[in-house]
PDB file of N, CA and C in Angstrom:
ATOM      1  N   MET A   1     155.928 166.388 151.117  1.00  0.00           N
ATOM      2  CA  MET A   1     155.334 167.249 151.087  1.00  0.00           C
ATOM      3  C   MET A   1     154.525 167.629 149.629  1.00  0.00           C
ATOM      4  N   ASP A   2     155.874 167.197 148.645  1.00  0.00           N
ATOM      5  CA  ASP A   2     155.385 167.735 146.936  1.00  0.00           C
ATOM      6  C   ASP A   2     154.398 166.943 146.922  1.00  0.00           C
ATOM      7  N   GLU A   3     154.141 165.611 147.314  1.00  0.00           N
ATOM      8  CA  GLU A   3     153.171 164.285 146.814  1.00  0.00           C
ATOM      9  C   GLU A   3     151.732 165.049 147.011  1.00  0.00           C
ATOM     10  N   LEU A   4     151.505 165.742 148.176  1.00  0.00           N
ATOM     11  CA  LEU A   4     150.761 166.284 149.032  1.00  0.00           C
ATOM     12  C   LEU A   4     149.690 167.016 147.739  1.00  0.00           C
ATOM     13  N   ARG A   5     150.785 168.168 147.652  1.00  0.00           N
ATOM     14  CA  ARG A   5     150.494 168.934 146.726  1.00  0.00           C
ATOM     15  C   ARG A   5     150.189 168.390 145.319  1.00  0.00           C
ATOM     16  N   ASP A   6     150.643 167.043 145.045  1.00  0.00           N
ATOM     17  CA  ASP A   6     150.057 167.153 143.457  1.00  0.00           C
ATOM     18  C   ASP A   6     148.783 166.366 143.721  1.00  0.00           C
ATOM     19  N   ILE A   7     148.806 165.671 144.591  1.00  0.00           N
ATOM     20  CA  ILE A   7     147.362 164.985 145.070  1.00  0.00           C
ATOM     21  C   ILE A   7     146.425 165.703 145.227  1.00  0.00           C
ATOM     22  N   LEU A   8     146.637 166.756 146.100  1.00  0.00           N
ATOM     23  CA  LEU A   8     145.307 167.790 146.462  1.00  0.00           C
ATOM     24  C   LEU A   8     144.387 168.152 145.112  1.00  0.00           C
ATOM     25  N   PRO A   9     144.845 168.587 143.858  1.00  0.00           N
ATOM     26  CA  PRO A   9     143.978 168.996 142.930  1.00  0.00           C
ATOM     27  C   PRO A   9     143.073 168.124 142.640  1.00  0.00           C
ATOM     28  N   LEU A  10     143.160 166.860 142.685  1.00  0.00           N
ATOM     29  CA  LEU A  10     142.631 165.986 142.452  1.00  0.00           C
ATOM     30  C   LEU A  10     141.444 165.338 143.576  1.00  0.00           C
ATOM     31  N   LEU A  11     142.145 165.333 144.832  1.00  0.00           N
ATOM     32  CA  LEU A  11     140.792 165.095 145.850  1.00  0.00           C
ATOM     33  C   LEU A  11     140.219 166.052 146.445  1.00  0.00           C
ATOM     34  N   VAL A  12     140.237 167.234 146.010  1.00  0.00           N
ATOM     35  CA  VAL A  12     139.259 168.513 146.422  1.00  0.00           C
ATOM     36  C   VAL A  12     137.957 167.891 145.973  1.00  0.00           C
ATOM     37  N   PRO A  13     137.944 168.400 144.476  1.00  0.00           N
ATOM     38  CA  PRO A  13     136.879 168.032 143.804  1.00  0.00           C
ATOM     39  C   PRO A  13     135.974 166.553 144.321  1.00  0.00           C
ATOM     40  N   LEU A  14     136.767 165.629 144.451  1.00  0.00           N
ATOM     41  CA  LEU A  14     135.822 164.155 144.702  1.00  0.00           C
ATOM     42  C   LEU A  14     135.230 164.428 146.358  1.00  0.00           C
ATOM     43  N   LEU A  15     135.924 165.252 147.573  1.00  0.00           N
ATOM     44  CA  LEU A  15     135.446 165.550 148.735  1.00  0.00           C
ATOM     45  C   LEU A  15     134.683 166.252 148.692  1.00  0.00           C
ATOM     46  N   VAL A  16     134.277 167.396 147.651  1.00  0.00           N
ATOM     47  CA  VAL A  16     133.153 168.113 147.515  1.00  0.00           C
ATOM     48  C   VAL A  16     131.905 167.278 147.031  1.00  0.00           C
ATOM     49  N   ILE A  17     132.375 166.864 145.895  1.00  0.00           N
ATOM     50  CA  ILE A  17     131.300 165.575 145.548  1.00  0.00           C
ATOM     51  C   ILE A  17     130.504 164.684 146.497  1.00  0.00           C
ATOM     52  N   GLN A  18     131.452 164.059 147.220  1.00  0.00           N
ATOM     53  CA  GLN A  18     131.085 163.282 148.520  1.00  0.00           C
ATOM     54  C   GLN A  18     130.463 164.196 149.612  1.00  0.00           C
ATOM     55  N   LEU A  19     130.679 165.178 149.609  1.00  0.00           N
ATOM     56  CA  LEU A  19     129.925 166.137 150.440  1.00  0.00           C
ATOM     57  C   LEU A  19     128.495 166.281 150.221  1.00  0.00           C
ATOM     58  N   LEU A  20     128.608 167.098 148.867  1.00  0.00           N
ATOM     59  CA  LEU A  20     127.316 167.308 148.452  1.00  0.00           C
ATOM     60  C   LEU A  20     126.173 166.181 148.155  1.00  0.00           C
ATOM     61  N   LEU A  21     126.952 164.757 147.908  1.00  0.00           N
ATOM     62  CA  LEU A  21     125.769 163.395 147.818  1.00  0.00           C
ATOM     63  C   LEU A  21     125.474 163.044 148.955  1.00  0.00           C
ATOM     64  N   VAL A  22     126.471 163.401 150.269  1.00  0.00           N
ATOM     65  CA  VAL A  22     125.855 162.773 151.595  1.00  0.00           C
ATOM     66  C   VAL A  22     124.864 163.908 151.805  1.00  0.00           C
ATOM     67  N   ILE A  23     124.880 165.253 151.835  1.00  0.00           N
ATOM     68  CA  ILE A  23     123.953 166.183 151.919  1.00  0.00           C
ATOM     69  C   ILE A  23     122.832 166.220 151.833  1.00  0.00           C
ATOM     70  N   ALA A  24     122.797 165.627 150.098  1.00  0.00           N
ATOM     71  CA  ALA A  24     121.460 165.851 149.624  1.00  0.00           C
ATOM     72  C   ALA A  24     120.699 164.076 149.394  1.00  0.00           C
ATOM     73  N   ALA A  25     121.462 163.255 150.010  1.00  0.00           N
ATOM     74  CA  ALA A  25     120.694 162.012 150.555  1.00  0.00           C
ATOM     75  C   ALA A  25     119.986 162.160 151.638  1.00  0.00           C
ATOM     76  N   LEU A  26     120.786 162.829 152.698  1.00  0.00           N
ATOM     77  CA  LEU A  26     119.817 163.395 154.057  1.00  0.00           C
ATOM     78  C   LEU A  26     118.984 164.044 154.247  1.00  0.00           C
ATOM     79  N   VAL A  27     119.315 164.543 152.890  1.00  0.00           N
ATOM     80  CA  VAL A  27     117.930 165.968 153.482  1.00  0.00           C
ATOM     81  C   VAL A  27     116.576 164.923 152.619  1.00  0.00           C
ATOM     82  N   ASP A  28     117.055 164.145 151.378  1.00  0.00           N
ATOM     83  CA  ASP A  28     115.724 163.859 150.935  1.00  0.00           C
ATOM     84  C   ASP A  28     115.439 162.601 151.571  1.00  0.00           C
ATOM     85  N   LEU A  29     115.907 161.878 152.594  1.00  0.00           N
ATOM     86  CA  LEU A  29     116.177 160.877 153.661  1.00  0.00           C
ATOM     87  C   LEU A  29     115.193 161.304 154.427  1.00  0.00           C
ATOM     88  N   ALA A  30     115.405 162.623 154.814  1.00  0.00           N
ATOM     89  CA  ALA A  30     114.658 163.375 156.107  1.00  0.00           C
ATOM     90  C   ALA A  30     113.029 163.742 155.347  1.00  0.00           C
ATOM     91  N   ARG A  31     113.082 164.174 154.559  1.00  0.00           N
ATOM     92  CA  ARG A  31     111.901 164.394 153.939  1.00  0.00           C
ATOM     93  C   ARG A  31     110.585 163.505 153.425  1.00  0.00           C
ATOM     94  N   ARG A  32     111.222 161.973 152.833  1.00  0.00           N
ATOM     95  CA  ARG A  32     110.710 161.530 152.448  1.00  0.00           C
ATOM     96  C   ARG A  32     109.895 160.462 153.594  1.00  0.00           C
ATOM     97  N   GLN A  33     108.849 159.981 153.287  1.00  0.00           N
ATOM     98  CA  GLN A  33     108.094 159.534 154.513  1.00  0.00           C
ATOM     99  C   GLN A  33     108.256 157.739 154.756  1.00  0.00           C
ATOM    100  N   ARG A  34     108.340 157.520 153.111  1.00  0.00           N
ATOM    101  CA  ARG A  34     108.526 155.948 153.413  1.00  0.00           C
ATOM    102  C   ARG A  34     109.847 155.845 152.655  1.00  0.00           C
ATOM    103  N   THR A  35     110.853 154.900 153.107  1.00  0.00           N
ATOM    104  CA  THR A  35     111.750 154.142 152.029  1.00  0.00           C
ATOM    105  C   THR A  35     111.393 152.731 151.913  1.00  0.00           C
ATOM    106  N   ARG A  36     112.412 152.114 151.423  1.00  0.00           N
ATOM    107  CA  ARG A  36     112.410 150.422 151.572  1.00  0.00           C
ATOM    108  C   ARG A  36     113.324 150.291 152.700  1.00  0.00           C
ATOM    109  N   GLY A  37     112.726 149.940 153.783  1.00  0.00           N
ATOM    110  CA  GLY A  37     113.726 149.426 154.838  1.00  0.00           C
ATOM    111  C   GLY A  37     113.564 150.584 156.081  1.00  0.00           C
ATOM    112  N   PRO A  38     114.255 150.202 157.166  1.00  0.00           N
ATOM    113  CA  PRO A  38     114.212 151.600 158.332  1.00  0.00           C
ATOM    114  C   PRO A  38     115.032 152.841 158.033  1.00  0.00           C
ATOM    115  N   LYS A  39     114.703 154.486 158.238  1.00  0.00           N
ATOM    116  CA  LYS A  39     115.557 155.163 157.682  1.00  0.00           C
ATOM    117  C   LYS A  39     116.626 155.383 158.591  1.00  0.00           C
ATOM    118  N   TRP A  40     116.598 154.533 159.591  1.00  0.00           N
ATOM    119  CA  TRP A  40     118.016 154.555 160.587  1.00  0.00           C
ATOM    120  C   TRP A  40     118.822 153.763 159.792  1.00  0.00           C
ATOM    121  N   ALA A  41     118.644 152.795 159.287  1.00  0.00           N
ATOM    122  CA  ALA A  41     119.677 152.066 158.213  1.00  0.00           C
ATOM    123  C   ALA A  41     120.298 152.781 157.083  1.00  0.00           C
ATOM    124  N   TRP A  42     119.111 153.773 156.247  1.00  0.00           N
ATOM    125  CA  TRP A  42     119.963 154.051 155.040  1.00  0.00           C
ATOM    126  C   TRP A  42     120.732 155.284 155.595  1.00  0.00           C
ATOM    127  N   ALA A  43     119.901 155.850 156.853  1.00  0.00           N
ATOM    128  CA  ALA A  43     121.180 156.800 157.521  1.00  0.00           C
ATOM    129  C   ALA A  43     122.686 156.306 157.484  1.00  0.00           C
ATOM    130  N   LEU A  44     123.121 155.380 158.099  1.00  0.00           N
ATOM    131  CA  LEU A  44     123.927 154.481 158.530  1.00  0.00           C
ATOM    132  C   LEU A  44     124.616 154.318 157.170  1.00  0.00           C
ATOM    133  N   VAL A  45     123.907 153.770 156.190  1.00  0.00           N
ATOM    134  CA  VAL A  45     124.826 153.475 154.748  1.00  0.00           C
ATOM    135  C   VAL A  45     124.796 155.000 153.946  1.00  0.00           C
ATOM    136  N   ILE A  46     124.328 155.900 154.522  1.00  0.00           N
ATOM    137  CA  ILE A  46     124.852 156.842 153.849  1.00  0.00           C
ATOM    138  C   ILE A  46     125.655 158.051 154.318  1.00  0.00           C
ATOM    139  N   LEU A  47     126.162 157.635 155.466  1.00  0.00           N
ATOM    140  CA  LEU A  47     127.029 158.281 156.268  1.00  0.00           C
ATOM    141  C   LEU A  47     128.624 157.228 156.221  1.00  0.00           C
ATOM    142  N   PHE A  48     128.361 156.019 156.208  1.00  0.00           N
ATOM    143  CA  PHE A  48     129.360 155.419 156.686  1.00  0.00           C
ATOM    144  C   PHE A  48     130.200 154.371 155.343  1.00  0.00           C
ATOM    145  N   VAL A  49     129.037 154.483 154.488  1.00  0.00           N
ATOM    146  CA  VAL A  49     129.794 153.879 152.955  1.00  0.00           C
ATOM    147  C   VAL A  49     129.844 154.782 151.861  1.00  0.00           C
ATOM    148  N   ASN A  50     131.494 155.530 152.022  1.00  0.00           N
ATOM    149  CA  ASN A  50     131.744 156.297 151.876  1.00  0.00           C
ATOM    150  C   ASN A  50     131.171 157.063 150.478  1.00  0.00           C
ATOM    151  N   LEU A  51     131.808 157.501 149.476  1.00  0.00           N
ATOM    152  CA  LEU A  51     131.057 157.676 147.857  1.00  0.00           C
ATOM    153  C   LEU A  51     129.564 156.943 147.316  1.00  0.00           C
ATOM    154  N   ILE A  52     129.781 155.487 147.823  1.00  0.00           N
ATOM    155  CA  ILE A  52     128.842 154.849 146.942  1.00  0.00           C
ATOM    156  C   ILE A  52     127.733 154.447 147.716  1.00  0.00           C
ATOM    157  N   GLY A  53     127.667 155.057 149.631  1.00  0.00           N
ATOM    158  CA  GLY A  53     126.394 155.086 150.264  1.00  0.00           C
ATOM    159  C   GLY A  53     125.238 155.289 149.691  1.00  0.00           C
ATOM    160  N   PRO A  54     125.702 157.318 149.666  1.00  0.00           N
ATOM    161  CA  PRO A  54     124.572 157.901 148.852  1.00  0.00           C
ATOM    162  C   PRO A  54     123.762 157.578 147.486  1.00  0.00           C
ATOM    163  N   ILE A  55     124.926 157.208 146.554  1.00  0.00           N
ATOM    164  CA  ILE A  55     124.352 156.896 145.654  1.00  0.00           C
ATOM    165  C   ILE A  55     123.533 155.284 145.475  1.00  0.00           C
ATOM    166  N   ILE A  56     123.776 154.558 146.444  1.00  0.00           N
ATOM    167  CA  ILE A  56     122.981 152.954 146.937  1.00  0.00           C
ATOM    168  C   ILE A  56     121.181 153.735 147.319  1.00  0.00           C
ATOM    169  N   TYR A  57     121.745 154.773 148.109  1.00  0.00           N
ATOM    170  CA  TYR A  57     120.271 155.394 148.606  1.00  0.00           C
ATOM    171  C   TYR A  57     119.581 155.588 147.359  1.00  0.00           C
ATOM    172  N   PHE A  58     119.661 156.286 146.770  1.00  0.00           N
ATOM    173  CA  PHE A  58     119.200 157.096 145.750  1.00  0.00           C
ATOM    174  C   PHE A  58     118.693 156.193 144.578  1.00  0.00           C
ATOM    175  N   LEU A  59     119.113 154.845 144.294  1.00  0.00           N
ATOM    176  CA  LEU A  59     118.731 153.858 143.508  1.00  0.00           C
ATOM    177  C   LEU A  59     117.980 152.851 144.116  1.00  0.00           C
ATOM    178  N   ALA A  60     118.332 152.514 145.464  1.00  0.00           N
ATOM    179  CA  ALA A  60     117.535 151.477 145.941  1.00  0.00           C
ATOM    180  C   ALA A  60     116.604 151.752 147.017  1.00  0.00           C
ATOM    181  N   ALA A  61     116.745 152.893 148.177  1.00  0.00           N
ATOM    182  CA  ALA A  61     115.869 152.692 148.778  1.00  0.00           C
ATOM    183  C   ALA A  61     114.574 153.627 148.894  1.00  0.00           C
ATOM    184  N   ARG A  62     114.750 154.760 147.810  1.00  0.00           N
ATOM    185  CA  ARG A  62     113.588 155.522 147.621  1.00  0.00           C
ATOM    186  C   ARG A  62     112.325 154.595 146.887  1.00  0.00           C
ATOM    187  N   GLU A  63     111.359 154.658 147.372  1.00  0.00           N
ATOM    188  CA  GLU A  63     109.905 154.618 147.246  1.00  0.00           C
ATOM    189  C   GLU A  63     109.324 155.620 146.401  1.00  0.00           C
ATOM    190  N   ASP A  64     108.220 154.977 145.523  1.00  0.00           N
ATOM    191  CA  ASP A  64     107.891 155.937 144.534  1.00  0.00           C
ATOM    192  C   ASP A  64     106.485 156.398 145.060  1.00  0.00           C
ATOM    193  N   GLU A  65     106.078 157.623 145.522  1.00  0.00           N
ATOM    194  CA  GLU A  65     105.143 158.482 145.905  1.00  0.00           C
ATOM    195  C   GLU A  65     103.980 158.761 145.210  1.00  0.00           C
TER     196      GLU A  65
END
């Protein structure tokens, strides 16, 4: 139990950052009319490729309007 108490202060900020990135990416994906590739595939990347999925979306999927 002591190990969990030691690791928890490090995990909470990472989990919060992950949650915020996923929410921001999904909101952006929903509002964007065009992406490079199908939206459903980008939604899967955002949701299932942990911390890197939303970052990949922001760097590669968005087309300039």
